[in-house]
């Protein structure tokens, strides 16, 4: 496997690990222990939302990059020759 083929899965794995860690921190700090209701202005919730948005933006950028880098030819006659 080429090095470039491993970049996207590795970045997804790293983002997933950070998301897991931040979610565990959020569960431990952003909710009241007695009632289970969310606290207002919990910083870990904002960080988790920002991380999710960043991952979505990076996924779209990687998809656009892959579409432009690996564009197929429009000549289909070669496929049936």
Protein backbone atom coordinates (compact mmCIF):
# COMPACT_ATOMS: atom_id res chain seq x y z
CA UNK A 1 0.00 0.00 0.00
CA UNK A 2 1.29 3.45 -0.87
CA UNK A 3 1.99 6.00 1.83
CA UNK A 4 -0.64 8.32 0.41
CA UNK A 5 -3.29 5.61 0.72
CA UNK A 6 -2.69 5.34 4.47
CA UNK A 7 -3.05 9.05 5.25
CA UNK A 8 -6.85 9.27 5.36
CA UNK A 9 -7.39 6.15 7.54
CA UNK A 10 -4.67 7.26 9.95
CA UNK A 11 -6.19 10.73 10.25
CA UNK A 12 -9.62 9.18 10.81
CA UNK A 13 -8.18 6.95 13.53
CA UNK A 14 -6.50 9.91 15.25
CA UNK A 15 -9.67 12.02 15.06
CA UNK A 16 -11.69 9.12 16.46
CA UNK A 17 -9.28 8.70 19.36
CA UNK A 18 -9.44 12.42 20.18
CA UNK A 19 -13.23 12.31 19.89
CA UNK A 20 -13.40 9.35 22.26
CA UNK A 21 -11.19 11.06 24.83
CA UNK A 22 -13.10 14.34 24.65
CA UNK A 23 -16.44 12.51 24.88
CA UNK A 24 -15.28 10.69 28.02
CA UNK A 25 -14.23 14.03 29.51
CA UNK A 26 -17.62 15.47 28.55
CA UNK A 27 -19.52 12.63 30.21
CA UNK A 28 -17.48 13.09 33.39
CA UNK A 29 -17.69 16.90 33.58
CA UNK A 30 -20.59 18.30 31.52
CA UNK A 31 -23.45 16.54 33.29
CA UNK A 32 -24.71 16.92 36.84
CA UNK A 33 -24.20 13.72 38.78
CA UNK A 34 -27.45 13.96 40.76
CA UNK A 35 -29.89 14.64 37.92
CA UNK A 36 -27.97 13.71 34.78
CA UNK A 37 -28.91 17.00 33.12
CA UNK A 38 -26.34 18.85 31.03
CA UNK A 39 -24.67 21.90 32.52
CA UNK A 40 -24.71 25.18 30.64
CA UNK A 41 -21.51 26.45 29.02
CA UNK A 42 -19.61 23.18 29.31
CA UNK A 43 -16.30 23.72 27.54
CA UNK A 44 -15.86 20.06 26.58
CA UNK A 45 -19.13 20.15 24.65
CA UNK A 46 -17.90 23.12 22.62
CA UNK A 47 -14.58 21.38 21.98
CA UNK A 48 -16.39 18.24 20.82
CA UNK A 49 -18.59 20.26 18.46
CA UNK A 50 -15.52 22.05 17.05
CA UNK A 51 -13.69 18.74 16.55
CA UNK A 52 -16.70 17.29 14.74
CA UNK A 53 -16.89 20.31 12.45
CA UNK A 54 -13.16 20.13 11.73
CA UNK A 55 -13.38 16.45 10.83
CA UNK A 56 -16.32 17.12 8.49
CA UNK A 57 -14.43 19.94 6.75
CA UNK A 58 -11.30 17.79 6.37
CA UNK A 59 -13.32 14.88 4.99
CA UNK A 60 -14.92 17.11 2.36
CA UNK A 61 -11.53 18.58 1.42
CA UNK A 62 -9.96 15.13 1.10
CA UNK A 63 -12.89 13.98 -1.04
CA UNK A 64 -12.53 16.98 -3.35
CA UNK A 65 -8.78 16.41 -3.55
CA UNK A 66 -9.29 12.75 -4.41
CA UNK A 67 -11.85 13.64 -7.08
CA UNK A 68 -9.49 16.07 -8.79
CA UNK A 69 -6.36 13.95 -8.40
CA UNK A 70 -7.87 10.68 -9.63
CA UNK A 71 -10.17 12.02 -12.35
CA UNK A 72 -11.11 9.44 -14.99
CA UNK A 73 -10.86 10.04 -18.71
CA UNK A 74 -14.06 10.96 -20.52
CA UNK A 75 -13.19 8.68 -23.42
CA UNK A 76 -15.15 5.47 -22.82
CA UNK A 77 -14.25 3.99 -26.21
CA UNK A 78 -10.95 2.71 -24.80
CA UNK A 79 -12.83 0.62 -22.23
CA UNK A 80 -14.71 -1.33 -24.90
CA UNK A 81 -11.92 -1.63 -27.48
